[in-house]
Amino acid sequence: MAEYGELNVGQLVREFYDGDAFLVGFTTHSGTVTAASDWGATPERKRVRPALPESYESMFHNLGMERFVCDLRSEGKAKAILARPRLERAIGVIYLPQTERVSHYFEARLAEQFDAVIHIDQTTALAPLERHAQWEMGEPPETYPTGI
């Protein structure tokens, strides 16, 4: 993002604290997430699509581990591999599975972006304190309305 002149919270925190920050990234291959379809919209329980093959998330999935932490502060093979540019998926307040490649993936170098990465291969959506029918039902199946 920095190469395109864009700022993110992590970069701003590093600059403000003059390098005394510890930035942790979270990745997932698939599962569910609680997110909205637009700013200010009602959060829904959504299925997270399996990560694209050329992404960090897919590479982590292919390791065959349910979850792990990777410390990127010291030099080593992991840091060297994660310093190479690759697609990274960002899921936050908004998640749009139907436009995921365009709206949620960007090229990144995890070793430069974070001090550590936590990978959870399959996530489970957080349940809101005040549940509503739309969250309980989740999003319609991908085969909606035909059911095929």
N, C-alpha and C. Protein backbone atom coordinates (compact mmCIF):
# COMPACT_ATOMS: atom_id res chain seq x y z
N MET A 1 0.83 -1.20 0.00
CA MET A 1 0.00 0.00 0.00
C MET A 1 0.87 1.25 0.00
N ALA A 2 1.99 1.18 0.72
CA ALA A 2 2.87 2.34 0.82
C ALA A 2 3.43 2.72 -0.55
N GLU A 3 3.67 1.70 -1.40
CA GLU A 3 4.20 1.98 -2.74
C GLU A 3 3.24 2.82 -3.58
N TYR A 4 1.94 2.75 -3.24
CA TYR A 4 0.93 3.52 -3.97
C TYR A 4 0.53 4.79 -3.23
N GLY A 5 1.26 5.12 -2.16
CA GLY A 5 0.98 6.33 -1.42
C GLY A 5 -0.18 6.20 -0.44
N GLU A 6 -0.62 4.98 -0.17
CA GLU A 6 -1.72 4.76 0.77
C GLU A 6 -1.16 4.48 2.16
N LEU A 7 -1.89 4.92 3.17
CA LEU A 7 -1.49 4.69 4.56
C LEU A 7 -2.42 3.67 5.18
N ASN A 8 -1.88 2.90 6.13
CA ASN A 8 -2.73 2.02 6.92
C ASN A 8 -2.46 2.28 8.39
N VAL A 9 -3.29 1.73 9.26
CA VAL A 9 -3.17 1.99 10.69
C VAL A 9 -1.81 1.54 11.21
N GLY A 10 -1.35 0.36 10.78
CA GLY A 10 -0.06 -0.15 11.24
C GLY A 10 1.09 0.79 10.94
N GLN A 11 1.10 1.32 9.73
CA GLN A 11 2.16 2.26 9.34
C GLN A 11 2.10 3.52 10.20
N LEU A 12 0.90 4.03 10.43
CA LEU A 12 0.75 5.23 11.25
C LEU A 12 1.19 4.98 12.69
N VAL A 13 0.88 3.80 13.22
CA VAL A 13 1.29 3.45 14.59
C VAL A 13 2.81 3.37 14.67
N ARG A 14 3.44 2.71 13.69
CA ARG A 14 4.91 2.61 13.68
C ARG A 14 5.55 4.00 13.66
N GLU A 15 5.04 4.88 12.81
CA GLU A 15 5.60 6.23 12.71
C GLU A 15 5.39 7.01 14.00
N PHE A 16 4.19 6.92 14.59
CA PHE A 16 3.89 7.68 15.79
C PHE A 16 4.75 7.23 16.97
N TYR A 17 4.94 5.91 17.11
CA TYR A 17 5.71 5.37 18.23
C TYR A 17 7.17 5.13 17.88
N ASP A 18 7.60 5.68 16.77
CA ASP A 18 9.01 5.65 16.36
C ASP A 18 9.60 4.24 16.43
N GLY A 19 8.85 3.26 15.90
CA GLY A 19 9.35 1.89 15.85
C GLY A 19 9.14 1.08 17.10
N ASP A 20 8.54 1.65 18.16
CA ASP A 20 8.32 0.92 19.40
C ASP A 20 7.00 0.15 19.42
N ALA A 21 6.37 0.00 18.29
CA ALA A 21 5.12 -0.75 18.21
C ALA A 21 5.41 -2.20 17.82
N PHE A 22 4.51 -3.09 18.17
CA PHE A 22 4.60 -4.50 17.78
C PHE A 22 3.33 -4.81 17.00
N LEU A 23 3.46 -4.99 15.69
CA LEU A 23 2.29 -5.17 14.83
C LEU A 23 2.06 -6.65 14.54
N VAL A 24 0.82 -7.09 14.77
CA VAL A 24 0.44 -8.49 14.56
C VAL A 24 -0.61 -8.55 13.46
N GLY A 25 -0.38 -9.42 12.49
CA GLY A 25 -1.35 -9.65 11.42
C GLY A 25 -2.06 -10.97 11.64
N PHE A 26 -3.30 -11.05 11.21
CA PHE A 26 -4.09 -12.27 11.32
C PHE A 26 -4.50 -12.70 9.93
N THR A 27 -4.37 -14.00 9.65
CA THR A 27 -4.78 -14.53 8.36
C THR A 27 -5.66 -15.75 8.56
N THR A 28 -6.47 -16.05 7.53
CA THR A 28 -7.29 -17.26 7.54
C THR A 28 -7.45 -17.76 6.12
N HIS A 29 -7.68 -19.04 6.00
CA HIS A 29 -7.93 -19.64 4.69
C HIS A 29 -9.42 -19.64 4.37
N SER A 30 -10.27 -20.01 5.33
CA SER A 30 -11.71 -20.09 5.09
C SER A 30 -12.43 -20.10 6.44
N GLY A 31 -13.74 -20.23 6.40
CA GLY A 31 -14.54 -20.26 7.63
C GLY A 31 -15.71 -19.31 7.54
N THR A 32 -16.00 -18.64 8.66
CA THR A 32 -17.07 -17.64 8.69
C THR A 32 -16.56 -16.38 9.38
N VAL A 33 -17.24 -15.28 9.12
CA VAL A 33 -16.87 -13.99 9.70
C VAL A 33 -18.15 -13.18 9.91
N THR A 34 -18.15 -12.33 10.92
CA THR A 34 -19.24 -11.37 11.09
C THR A 34 -18.78 -10.06 10.48
N ALA A 35 -19.46 -9.63 9.42
CA ALA A 35 -19.09 -8.41 8.72
C ALA A 35 -20.32 -7.87 8.00
N ALA A 36 -20.24 -6.61 7.64
CA ALA A 36 -21.33 -5.97 6.91
C ALA A 36 -21.02 -5.96 5.42
N SER A 37 -22.03 -5.63 4.63
CA SER A 37 -21.84 -5.52 3.18
C SER A 37 -21.56 -4.08 2.76
N ASP A 38 -21.72 -3.14 3.70
CA ASP A 38 -21.45 -1.74 3.41
C ASP A 38 -21.24 -1.02 4.73
N TRP A 39 -20.60 0.15 4.69
CA TRP A 39 -20.39 0.94 5.90
C TRP A 39 -21.73 1.29 6.51
N GLY A 40 -21.88 1.03 7.80
CA GLY A 40 -23.12 1.36 8.51
C GLY A 40 -24.22 0.32 8.34
N ALA A 41 -24.00 -0.70 7.53
CA ALA A 41 -25.01 -1.74 7.32
C ALA A 41 -25.00 -2.73 8.49
N THR A 42 -26.03 -3.51 8.59
CA THR A 42 -26.16 -4.52 9.64
C THR A 42 -25.15 -5.64 9.41
N PRO A 43 -24.39 -6.02 10.43
CA PRO A 43 -23.45 -7.13 10.28
C PRO A 43 -24.18 -8.45 10.04
N GLU A 44 -23.57 -9.30 9.22
CA GLU A 44 -24.12 -10.61 8.91
C GLU A 44 -23.05 -11.66 9.17
N ARG A 45 -23.49 -12.90 9.36
CA ARG A 45 -22.55 -14.01 9.40
C ARG A 45 -22.34 -14.45 7.95
N LYS A 46 -21.09 -14.37 7.50
CA LYS A 46 -20.78 -14.67 6.10
C LYS A 46 -19.73 -15.78 6.02
N ARG A 47 -19.82 -16.55 4.96
CA ARG A 47 -18.81 -17.57 4.68
C ARG A 47 -17.60 -16.90 4.06
N VAL A 48 -16.42 -17.23 4.56
CA VAL A 48 -15.17 -16.73 3.97
C VAL A 48 -14.76 -17.72 2.89
N ARG A 49 -14.62 -17.22 1.70
CA ARG A 49 -14.22 -18.09 0.59
C ARG A 49 -12.81 -18.61 0.82
N PRO A 50 -12.54 -19.83 0.33
CA PRO A 50 -11.15 -20.32 0.42
C PRO A 50 -10.20 -19.34 -0.25
N ALA A 51 -9.03 -19.18 0.34
CA ALA A 51 -8.05 -18.21 -0.14
C ALA A 51 -7.61 -18.52 -1.57
N LEU A 52 -7.28 -17.47 -2.30
CA LEU A 52 -6.78 -17.64 -3.67
C LEU A 52 -5.43 -18.36 -3.63
N PRO A 53 -5.17 -19.22 -4.62
CA PRO A 53 -3.95 -20.04 -4.62
C PRO A 53 -2.65 -19.24 -4.52
N GLU A 54 -2.61 -18.04 -5.05
CA GLU A 54 -1.37 -17.24 -5.06
C GLU A 54 -1.23 -16.33 -3.84
N SER A 55 -2.03 -16.58 -2.79
CA SER A 55 -2.03 -15.72 -1.61
C SER A 55 -1.21 -16.31 -0.47
N TYR A 56 -0.84 -15.44 0.49
CA TYR A 56 -0.20 -15.89 1.72
C TYR A 56 -1.11 -16.87 2.46
N GLU A 57 -2.41 -16.56 2.48
CA GLU A 57 -3.36 -17.40 3.21
C GLU A 57 -3.38 -18.82 2.66
N SER A 58 -3.33 -18.96 1.35
CA SER A 58 -3.30 -20.28 0.73
C SER A 58 -1.98 -20.99 1.03
N MET A 59 -0.88 -20.24 0.97
CA MET A 59 0.42 -20.82 1.29
C MET A 59 0.42 -21.36 2.72
N PHE A 60 -0.13 -20.59 3.66
CA PHE A 60 -0.20 -21.03 5.05
C PHE A 60 -1.12 -22.26 5.18
N HIS A 61 -2.23 -22.26 4.46
CA HIS A 61 -3.14 -23.40 4.48
C HIS A 61 -2.43 -24.67 4.01
N ASN A 62 -1.62 -24.53 2.99
CA ASN A 62 -0.91 -25.69 2.43
C ASN A 62 0.13 -26.28 3.39
N LEU A 63 0.46 -25.56 4.47
CA LEU A 63 1.36 -26.12 5.48
C LEU A 63 0.68 -27.23 6.27
N GLY A 64 -0.66 -27.24 6.23
CA GLY A 64 -1.41 -28.30 6.91
C GLY A 64 -1.53 -28.14 8.41
N MET A 65 -1.35 -26.93 8.92
CA MET A 65 -1.46 -26.68 10.36
C MET A 65 -2.74 -25.91 10.64
N GLU A 66 -3.46 -26.31 11.70
CA GLU A 66 -4.71 -25.64 12.06
C GLU A 66 -4.50 -24.18 12.41
N ARG A 67 -3.42 -23.92 13.17
CA ARG A 67 -3.11 -22.54 13.58
C ARG A 67 -1.64 -22.47 13.98
N PHE A 68 -1.07 -21.28 13.82
CA PHE A 68 0.31 -21.08 14.24
C PHE A 68 0.63 -19.60 14.34
N VAL A 69 1.73 -19.30 15.02
CA VAL A 69 2.25 -17.94 15.12
C VAL A 69 3.62 -17.94 14.46
N CYS A 70 3.87 -16.93 13.67
CA CYS A 70 5.17 -16.79 13.00
C CYS A 70 5.79 -15.45 13.43
N ASP A 71 6.88 -15.51 14.16
CA ASP A 71 7.58 -14.31 14.63
C ASP A 71 8.50 -13.84 13.49
N LEU A 72 8.32 -12.62 13.06
CA LEU A 72 9.07 -12.09 11.92
C LEU A 72 10.14 -11.09 12.31
N ARG A 73 10.47 -11.01 13.59
CA ARG A 73 11.45 -10.02 14.03
C ARG A 73 12.89 -10.45 13.75
N SER A 74 13.16 -11.75 13.74
CA SER A 74 14.54 -12.19 13.52
C SER A 74 14.70 -12.73 12.10
N GLU A 75 15.91 -12.64 11.61
CA GLU A 75 16.21 -13.13 10.27
C GLU A 75 16.08 -14.65 10.23
N GLY A 76 15.69 -15.18 9.11
CA GLY A 76 15.56 -16.61 8.96
C GLY A 76 14.82 -16.94 7.68
N LYS A 77 14.63 -18.23 7.45
CA LYS A 77 13.99 -18.69 6.22
C LYS A 77 12.55 -18.18 6.10
N ALA A 78 11.79 -18.25 7.21
CA ALA A 78 10.39 -17.79 7.17
C ALA A 78 10.32 -16.32 6.80
N LYS A 79 11.17 -15.51 7.41
CA LYS A 79 11.16 -14.08 7.11
C LYS A 79 11.52 -13.83 5.66
N ALA A 80 12.50 -14.56 5.15
CA ALA A 80 12.91 -14.40 3.75
C ALA A 80 11.76 -14.74 2.79
N ILE A 81 11.05 -15.82 3.09
CA ILE A 81 9.92 -16.23 2.24
C ILE A 81 8.79 -15.20 2.33
N LEU A 82 8.53 -14.70 3.53
CA LEU A 82 7.42 -13.76 3.71
C LEU A 82 7.79 -12.33 3.34
N ALA A 83 9.02 -12.10 2.91
CA ALA A 83 9.42 -10.79 2.42
C ALA A 83 9.14 -10.65 0.92
N ARG A 84 8.83 -11.77 0.27
CA ARG A 84 8.52 -11.74 -1.17
C ARG A 84 7.10 -11.26 -1.39
N PRO A 85 6.88 -10.48 -2.44
CA PRO A 85 5.52 -9.99 -2.69
C PRO A 85 4.56 -11.14 -3.03
N ARG A 86 3.38 -11.06 -2.47
CA ARG A 86 2.35 -12.07 -2.68
C ARG A 86 1.01 -11.43 -2.34
N LEU A 87 -0.07 -12.01 -2.80
CA LEU A 87 -1.38 -11.49 -2.45
C LEU A 87 -1.67 -11.72 -0.97
N GLU A 88 -2.29 -10.72 -0.35
CA GLU A 88 -2.76 -10.82 1.02
C GLU A 88 -4.24 -10.42 1.02
N ARG A 89 -5.05 -11.12 1.81
CA ARG A 89 -6.47 -10.80 1.90
C ARG A 89 -6.73 -9.99 3.16
N ALA A 90 -7.50 -8.93 3.02
CA ALA A 90 -7.89 -8.09 4.16
C ALA A 90 -9.41 -8.18 4.33
N ILE A 91 -9.81 -8.71 5.49
CA ILE A 91 -11.23 -8.75 5.84
C ILE A 91 -11.39 -7.93 7.10
N GLY A 92 -12.31 -7.00 7.08
CA GLY A 92 -12.51 -6.14 8.24
C GLY A 92 -13.99 -5.98 8.54
N VAL A 93 -14.40 -4.74 8.75
CA VAL A 93 -15.79 -4.42 9.04
C VAL A 93 -16.68 -4.83 7.88
N ILE A 94 -16.13 -4.71 6.68
CA ILE A 94 -16.88 -5.05 5.46
C ILE A 94 -16.24 -6.27 4.81
N TYR A 95 -17.08 -7.18 4.33
CA TYR A 95 -16.60 -8.33 3.55
C TYR A 95 -17.58 -8.57 2.42
N LEU A 96 -17.06 -8.57 1.20
CA LEU A 96 -17.87 -8.75 0.00
C LEU A 96 -17.36 -9.97 -0.77
N PRO A 97 -17.84 -11.17 -0.42
CA PRO A 97 -17.34 -12.38 -1.08
C PRO A 97 -17.48 -12.35 -2.60
N GLN A 98 -18.54 -11.74 -3.11
CA GLN A 98 -18.79 -11.75 -4.55
C GLN A 98 -17.77 -10.92 -5.34
N THR A 99 -17.11 -9.98 -4.70
CA THR A 99 -16.08 -9.17 -5.38
C THR A 99 -14.74 -9.30 -4.66
N GLU A 100 -14.53 -10.43 -3.99
CA GLU A 100 -13.40 -10.59 -3.09
C GLU A 100 -12.05 -10.27 -3.72
N ARG A 101 -11.78 -10.74 -4.91
CA ARG A 101 -10.44 -10.53 -5.51
C ARG A 101 -10.13 -9.04 -5.64
N VAL A 102 -11.10 -8.28 -6.07
CA VAL A 102 -10.88 -6.84 -6.29
C VAL A 102 -10.96 -6.05 -4.99
N SER A 103 -11.90 -6.42 -4.12
CA SER A 103 -12.14 -5.59 -2.94
C SER A 103 -11.36 -5.99 -1.69
N HIS A 104 -10.75 -7.18 -1.67
CA HIS A 104 -10.11 -7.61 -0.44
C HIS A 104 -8.67 -8.10 -0.59
N TYR A 105 -8.16 -8.23 -1.79
CA TYR A 105 -6.78 -8.69 -1.98
C TYR A 105 -5.89 -7.55 -2.46
N PHE A 106 -4.66 -7.55 -1.97
CA PHE A 106 -3.66 -6.58 -2.43
C PHE A 106 -2.29 -7.25 -2.33
N GLU A 107 -1.34 -6.72 -3.05
CA GLU A 107 0.01 -7.27 -2.99
C GLU A 107 0.71 -6.74 -1.75
N ALA A 108 1.37 -7.63 -1.02
CA ALA A 108 2.01 -7.24 0.24
C ALA A 108 3.30 -8.03 0.44
N ARG A 109 4.06 -7.58 1.40
CA ARG A 109 5.24 -8.28 1.90
C ARG A 109 5.05 -8.40 3.42
N LEU A 110 4.54 -9.55 3.86
CA LEU A 110 4.18 -9.71 5.27
C LEU A 110 5.33 -9.41 6.22
N ALA A 111 6.55 -9.79 5.83
CA ALA A 111 7.71 -9.59 6.72
C ALA A 111 8.01 -8.10 6.94
N GLU A 112 7.60 -7.26 6.02
CA GLU A 112 7.80 -5.82 6.18
C GLU A 112 6.59 -5.17 6.87
N GLN A 113 5.46 -5.80 6.76
CA GLN A 113 4.22 -5.23 7.27
C GLN A 113 4.01 -5.52 8.77
N PHE A 114 4.40 -6.73 9.21
CA PHE A 114 4.10 -7.16 10.58
C PHE A 114 5.35 -7.64 11.31
N ASP A 115 5.27 -7.63 12.64
CA ASP A 115 6.30 -8.22 13.47
C ASP A 115 6.00 -9.70 13.74
N ALA A 116 4.73 -10.07 13.66
CA ALA A 116 4.30 -11.45 13.82
C ALA A 116 3.01 -11.65 13.04
N VAL A 117 2.77 -12.88 12.63
CA VAL A 117 1.53 -13.24 11.94
C VAL A 117 0.93 -14.44 12.67
N ILE A 118 -0.37 -14.34 12.93
CA ILE A 118 -1.12 -15.46 13.51
C ILE A 118 -2.04 -15.98 12.41
N HIS A 119 -1.89 -17.26 12.09
CA HIS A 119 -2.74 -17.88 11.07
C HIS A 119 -3.70 -18.85 11.74
N ILE A 120 -4.98 -18.69 11.47
CA ILE A 120 -6.03 -19.61 11.92
C ILE A 120 -6.67 -20.11 10.64
N ASP A 121 -6.46 -21.38 10.34
CA ASP A 121 -6.84 -21.90 9.03
C ASP A 121 -8.34 -21.79 8.76
N GLN A 122 -9.17 -22.12 9.74
CA GLN A 122 -10.61 -22.00 9.55
C GLN A 122 -11.20 -21.23 10.72
N THR A 123 -11.78 -20.07 10.44
CA THR A 123 -12.31 -19.20 11.49
C THR A 123 -13.79 -19.47 11.74
N THR A 124 -14.24 -19.00 12.90
CA THR A 124 -15.65 -19.04 13.25
C THR A 124 -16.06 -17.61 13.59
N ALA A 125 -17.16 -17.17 12.99
CA ALA A 125 -17.62 -15.79 13.17
C ALA A 125 -17.91 -15.48 14.63
N LEU A 126 -17.54 -14.28 15.05
CA LEU A 126 -17.94 -13.80 16.37
C LEU A 126 -19.44 -13.56 16.37
N ALA A 127 -20.10 -13.93 17.44
CA ALA A 127 -21.54 -13.71 17.55
C ALA A 127 -21.78 -12.36 18.21
N PRO A 128 -22.63 -11.52 17.60
CA PRO A 128 -22.93 -10.23 18.23
C PRO A 128 -23.69 -10.42 19.54
N LEU A 129 -23.53 -9.48 20.46
CA LEU A 129 -24.25 -9.55 21.73
C LEU A 129 -25.76 -9.48 21.50
N GLU A 130 -26.16 -8.64 20.55
CA GLU A 130 -27.57 -8.54 20.19
C GLU A 130 -27.74 -9.16 18.81
N ARG A 131 -28.19 -10.40 18.80
CA ARG A 131 -28.36 -11.10 17.52
C ARG A 131 -29.67 -10.69 16.87
N HIS A 132 -29.70 -10.75 15.57
CA HIS A 132 -30.92 -10.46 14.82
C HIS A 132 -31.12 -11.57 13.80
N ALA A 133 -32.28 -11.63 13.22
CA ALA A 133 -32.64 -12.73 12.32
C ALA A 133 -31.66 -12.85 11.15
N GLN A 134 -31.24 -11.73 10.59
CA GLN A 134 -30.35 -11.76 9.44
C GLN A 134 -29.01 -12.41 9.79
N TRP A 135 -28.47 -12.12 10.99
CA TRP A 135 -27.21 -12.74 11.39
C TRP A 135 -27.42 -14.22 11.65
N GLU A 136 -28.52 -14.59 12.33
CA GLU A 136 -28.80 -15.99 12.66
C GLU A 136 -28.90 -16.84 11.39
N MET A 137 -29.55 -16.30 10.35
CA MET A 137 -29.71 -17.05 9.10
C MET A 137 -28.38 -17.11 8.34
N GLY A 138 -27.57 -16.08 8.47
CA GLY A 138 -26.36 -16.00 7.67
C GLY A 138 -26.72 -15.58 6.26
N GLU A 139 -25.74 -15.58 5.39
CA GLU A 139 -26.01 -15.20 4.01
C GLU A 139 -26.67 -16.36 3.28
N PRO A 140 -27.42 -16.08 2.20
CA PRO A 140 -28.04 -17.18 1.46
C PRO A 140 -26.97 -18.07 0.82
N PRO A 141 -27.30 -19.34 0.57
CA PRO A 141 -26.33 -20.21 -0.07
C PRO A 141 -25.93 -19.68 -1.45
N GLU A 142 -24.74 -20.05 -1.89
CA GLU A 142 -24.26 -19.58 -3.20
C GLU A 142 -25.19 -20.04 -4.32
N THR A 143 -25.95 -21.10 -4.09
CA THR A 143 -26.85 -21.62 -5.11
C THR A 143 -28.23 -20.96 -5.08
N TYR A 144 -28.45 -20.00 -4.14
CA TYR A 144 -29.73 -19.32 -4.03
C TYR A 144 -30.01 -18.58 -5.33
N PRO A 145 -31.18 -18.56 -5.89
CA PRO A 145 -32.43 -19.12 -5.39
C PRO A 145 -32.73 -20.51 -5.94
N THR A 146 -31.86 -21.09 -6.76
CA THR A 146 -32.20 -22.38 -7.38
C THR A 146 -32.02 -23.56 -6.45
N GLY A 147 -31.10 -23.47 -5.49
CA GLY A 147 -30.87 -24.58 -4.57
C GLY A 147 -30.04 -25.70 -5.15
N ILE A 148 -29.52 -25.49 -6.34
CA ILE A 148 -28.70 -26.53 -7.00
C ILE A 148 -27.30 -26.52 -6.46
